[in-house]
Amino acid sequence: MKKISKLRVLKTTEYKGYHILIQNYENLFQFIAFSDGKFYQGFNIITPASGRKKHDPDTLVKCGSLMIDYAMTTVDVILAKEDPDKLLKENAQGTAVLEILEKENKVHPTVN
């Protein structure tokens, strides 16, 4: 039987109420995060190491982990826009996320 698609689901998980799907198609790694009718996605193009034609299993795991971090940071940014004080109190990563948003003049945290 001929393989029709090279699309692979690398991981599914949940983070702060968002369902996250990590998938791979050749050199394209994508995350999809969704919750309550909200849908966000991001991708990276990651080429194999020099001299290789495709990713080895170890590299796929590392790329999947990178995309999980990307998805979680995206969810944190979304939540920070909705309630910056809550994010800062409950998440060690919140400070870095809020600094990014402050540079964009998107939020003004009030927590000390």
Protein backbone atom coordinates (compact mmCIF):
# COMPACT_ATOMS: atom_id res chain seq x y z
CA MET A 1 0.00 0.00 0.00
CA LYS A 2 1.36 3.41 -0.99
CA LYS A 3 1.75 5.99 1.78
CA ILE A 4 -0.33 9.04 0.84
CA SER A 5 0.60 11.53 3.53
CA LYS A 6 3.77 12.24 5.47
CA LEU A 7 1.90 14.29 8.08
CA ARG A 8 2.73 13.04 11.58
CA VAL A 9 1.18 13.94 14.90
CA LEU A 10 4.12 14.16 17.28
CA LYS A 11 2.26 15.00 20.47
CA THR A 12 -1.04 16.13 21.93
CA THR A 13 -1.37 17.74 25.32
CA GLU A 14 -3.37 20.25 27.33
CA TYR A 15 -2.08 23.48 28.87
CA LYS A 16 -4.14 25.97 30.89
CA GLY A 17 -7.39 24.92 29.24
CA TYR A 18 -6.01 24.86 25.70
CA HIS A 19 -5.68 21.64 23.72
CA ILE A 20 -2.36 21.55 21.88
CA LEU A 21 -1.51 19.45 18.85
CA ILE A 22 2.07 19.22 17.54
CA GLN A 23 2.48 17.91 14.01
CA ASN A 24 5.22 17.49 11.44
CA TYR A 25 5.32 17.35 7.66
CA GLU A 26 8.84 16.92 6.29
CA ASN A 27 10.67 20.08 7.51
CA LEU A 28 7.56 21.89 8.73
CA PHE A 29 6.74 21.66 12.44
CA GLN A 30 3.42 23.15 13.52
CA PHE A 31 1.45 23.63 16.69
CA ILE A 32 -2.29 24.19 16.93
CA ALA A 33 -3.74 25.43 20.21
CA PHE A 34 -7.49 25.72 20.64
CA SER A 35 -10.04 26.36 23.38
CA ASP A 36 -13.63 27.58 23.44
CA GLY A 37 -13.76 28.38 19.74
CA LYS A 38 -10.39 30.14 19.79
CA PHE A 39 -7.78 28.72 17.42
CA TYR A 40 -4.10 29.66 17.27
CA GLN A 41 -1.26 28.13 15.28
CA GLY A 42 2.41 28.63 14.65
CA PHE A 43 5.10 26.87 12.72
CA ASN A 44 8.85 26.55 12.26
CA ILE A 45 10.76 25.19 9.30
CA ILE A 46 13.60 23.09 10.66
CA THR A 47 15.96 21.46 8.19
CA PRO A 48 17.83 18.23 8.96
CA ALA A 49 21.44 18.30 10.10
CA SER A 50 24.06 18.84 7.45
CA GLY A 51 24.51 15.79 5.24
CA ARG A 52 21.12 14.26 6.13
CA LYS A 53 17.99 14.04 4.00
CA LYS A 54 15.50 13.63 6.84
CA HIS A 55 15.21 14.05 10.61
CA ASP A 56 16.21 11.15 12.84
CA PRO A 57 13.83 10.10 15.67
CA ASP A 58 15.88 11.92 18.32
CA THR A 59 15.70 15.17 16.37
CA LEU A 60 11.93 14.77 15.93
CA VAL A 61 11.56 14.55 19.72
CA LYS A 62 13.67 17.69 20.21
CA CYS A 63 11.74 19.61 17.56
CA GLY A 64 8.46 18.48 19.13
CA SER A 65 9.64 19.77 22.52
CA LEU A 66 10.59 23.09 20.94
CA MET A 67 7.11 23.39 19.44
CA ILE A 68 5.47 22.53 22.79
CA ASP A 69 7.42 25.41 24.37
CA TYR A 70 6.35 27.67 21.49
CA ALA A 71 2.70 26.69 21.97
CA MET A 72 2.81 27.18 25.76
CA THR A 73 4.40 30.60 25.39
CA THR A 74 1.70 31.53 22.87
CA VAL A 75 -1.01 30.46 25.33
CA ASP A 76 0.71 32.48 28.09
CA VAL A 77 0.74 35.57 25.84
CA ILE A 78 -2.95 35.10 25.04
CA LEU A 79 -3.79 34.78 28.73
CA ALA A 80 -1.56 37.76 29.60
CA LYS A 81 -3.51 39.95 27.21
CA GLU A 82 -6.72 38.85 28.93
CA ASP A 83 -5.48 39.14 32.55
CA PRO A 84 -1.82 40.15 33.07
CA ASP A 85 -2.02 40.15 36.88
CA LYS A 86 -3.22 36.54 37.07
CA LEU A 87 -0.47 35.30 34.74
CA LEU A 88 2.25 37.09 36.70
CA LYS A 89 1.08 35.57 39.99
CA GLU A 90 0.77 31.95 38.83
CA ASN A 91 3.56 31.50 36.32
CA ALA A 92 7.31 31.94 36.59
CA GLN A 93 7.36 32.53 32.83
CA GLY A 94 4.83 35.33 33.28
CA THR A 95 7.44 38.02 33.93
CA ALA A 96 9.18 37.38 30.60
CA VAL A 97 5.87 37.27 28.73
CA LEU A 98 4.76 40.55 30.28
CA GLU A 99 8.07 42.20 29.36
CA ILE A 100 7.47 41.26 25.73
CA LEU A 101 3.95 42.64 25.84
CA GLU A 102 5.05 45.85 27.57
CA LYS A 103 7.52 46.49 24.73
CA GLU A 104 4.60 46.20 22.34
CA ASN A 105 2.54 48.50 24.60
CA LYS A 106 -0.11 45.81 24.87
CA VAL A 107 -0.41 45.55 28.68
CA HIS A 108 0.49 47.49 31.78
CA PRO A 109 0.91 45.14 34.76
CA THR A 110 -0.10 46.39 38.17
CA VAL A 111 1.36 43.59 40.30
CA ASN A 112 4.56 44.35 42.24
